[in-house]
Each structure stands twice: as structure tokens, then as C-alpha cells.
Amino acid sequence: MSAFTEGLAHELAAQGAKMKAKVLAPAATETEFAKRAFDVNEFDYHVTVPKFHTAKEMAEFLLALYDSDKVVGIVDGYTYEFQLRDPIYPFANWTAQK
């Protein structure tokens, strides 16, 4: 999904489109998702998950990505620090070669 979205971001930029495509790659985030995924009534992130971000923190990351000129916002899986990055995957601009 990331490679597709990054490619879409390149294509939109090449066309001068106002629309932008960006990738937000979070790590564990304290949401209702775990309860739904495990089909349980209660899920305590503080007991079960060693590191996670709150939904508010993830929203702040999303806004930082939106406001930036970067394509990727990613949470490092080891440090849990949020990073804004240029595209990760290489892009072959076939359109320009035609």
C-alpha cells in the first residue's frame, strides 16, 4: 500500500495537481481496533502492549504530515519516534518517457 501511495504522490506532483497523497505508517495506537480485532469487550493497552501512542498523539502526527512537504510519516518500530520522510520506494517515471 505504501509503494502504491508513494507512486500516486509522484504522479500527482508531476501533473501539478493540488491533491496530494501521503502515507501515515503508525505503530501500535490506543484505539478501539484491538477490541474489535480480538472480539473482546475490554483491552488494556497499558497491560498488553509495551509501547503505544494515544489516538491524540497519532492525530498530531497526521496533522504534522499533512502540513509538511514530505510524503511519508512513519513511527519507528523500535524507538516509537515519529519521522517525516521522503518516499521510501524508488519511482520509475514511465509517463515522462513516452
Protein backbone atom coordinates (compact mmCIF):
# COMPACT_ATOMS: atom_id res chain seq x y z
CA MET A 1 0.00 0.00 0.00
CA SER A 2 2.86 2.36 0.80
CA ALA A 3 4.57 1.83 -2.55
CA PHE A 4 1.29 2.44 -4.40
CA THR A 5 0.53 5.62 -2.42
CA GLU A 6 4.07 6.93 -2.85
CA GLY A 7 3.78 6.32 -6.62
CA LEU A 8 0.46 8.12 -6.64
CA ALA A 9 2.09 11.05 -4.80
CA HIS A 10 4.76 11.22 -7.54
CA GLU A 11 2.16 11.12 -10.32
CA LEU A 12 0.03 13.84 -8.71
CA ALA A 13 3.08 16.08 -8.23
CA ALA A 14 4.22 15.50 -11.83
CA GLN A 15 0.79 16.58 -13.07
CA GLY A 16 0.82 19.69 -10.86
CA ALA A 17 -2.30 18.50 -9.06
CA LYS A 18 -3.46 20.28 -5.93
CA MET A 19 -4.39 16.91 -4.39
CA LYS A 20 -1.61 15.14 -2.52
CA ALA A 21 -1.21 11.51 -1.47
CA LYS A 22 0.63 10.70 1.75
CA VAL A 23 1.38 7.62 3.84
CA LEU A 24 0.92 7.51 7.60
CA ALA A 25 2.58 4.37 8.98
CA PRO A 26 1.75 4.12 12.68
CA ALA A 27 2.91 1.63 15.24
CA ALA A 28 0.56 0.43 17.97
CA THR A 29 -2.09 3.07 18.66
CA GLU A 30 -4.55 3.02 21.55
CA THR A 31 -7.90 2.75 19.75
CA GLU A 32 -10.96 0.51 19.68
CA PHE A 33 -9.27 -1.60 16.97
CA ALA A 34 -7.79 -4.17 19.38
CA LYS A 35 -11.19 -4.87 20.95
CA ARG A 36 -12.71 -5.41 17.52
CA ALA A 37 -9.76 -7.43 16.17
CA PHE A 38 -9.71 -9.79 19.16
CA ASP A 39 -13.51 -9.73 19.61
CA VAL A 40 -13.28 -8.85 23.31
CA ASN A 41 -15.18 -6.37 25.46
CA GLU A 42 -12.09 -4.92 27.16
CA PHE A 43 -8.50 -4.45 26.05
CA ASP A 44 -5.96 -2.70 28.27
CA TYR A 45 -3.07 -1.33 26.23
CA HIS A 46 -1.12 -0.48 29.40
CA VAL A 47 -1.06 -4.17 30.37
CA THR A 48 -0.82 -5.81 26.95
CA VAL A 49 1.28 -3.56 24.71
CA PRO A 50 4.79 -2.49 25.81
CA LYS A 51 4.78 0.74 23.75
CA PHE A 52 1.99 2.59 22.01
CA HIS A 53 0.73 6.03 21.07
CA THR A 54 -2.61 7.52 22.01
CA ALA A 55 -5.12 8.40 19.32
CA LYS A 56 -4.47 12.08 20.12
CA GLU A 57 -0.73 11.64 19.51
CA MET A 58 -1.44 9.85 16.22
CA ALA A 59 -3.76 12.70 15.17
CA GLU A 60 -0.92 15.15 15.89
CA PHE A 61 1.40 13.04 13.71
CA LEU A 62 -1.20 13.05 10.94
CA LEU A 63 -1.52 16.84 11.06
CA ALA A 64 2.28 17.23 11.02
CA LEU A 65 2.42 15.03 7.91
CA TYR A 66 -0.42 16.96 6.28
CA ASP A 67 1.31 20.29 6.89
CA SER A 68 4.70 19.07 5.66
CA ASP A 69 6.10 18.67 2.17
CA LYS A 70 7.05 15.05 2.99
CA VAL A 71 5.21 12.03 1.60
CA VAL A 72 5.73 9.56 4.46
CA GLY A 73 5.05 9.90 8.17
CA ILE A 74 6.33 6.82 9.95
CA VAL A 75 6.65 5.68 13.55
CA ASP A 76 9.95 3.87 14.15
CA GLY A 77 9.12 0.37 15.38
CA TYR A 78 11.98 0.37 17.90
CA THR A 79 12.07 3.89 19.29
CA TYR A 80 8.44 4.84 18.62
CA GLU A 81 9.61 8.24 17.42
CA PHE A 82 7.64 9.84 14.61
CA GLN A 83 9.60 10.78 11.49
CA LEU A 84 8.64 12.71 8.38
CA ARG A 85 10.39 11.25 5.34
CA ASP A 86 10.69 11.44 1.61
CA PRO A 87 9.34 8.43 -0.31
CA ILE A 88 10.89 5.13 0.71
CA TYR A 89 10.34 3.18 -2.51
CA PRO A 90 12.06 4.05 -5.80
CA PHE A 91 9.84 5.53 -8.51
CA ALA A 92 10.16 4.86 -12.23
CA ASN A 93 8.52 7.70 -14.12
CA TRP A 94 7.23 5.83 -17.16
CA THR A 95 4.91 8.69 -18.12
CA ALA A 96 7.80 11.06 -18.82
CA GLN A 97 9.46 8.50 -21.10
CA LYS A 98 6.56 8.28 -23.59
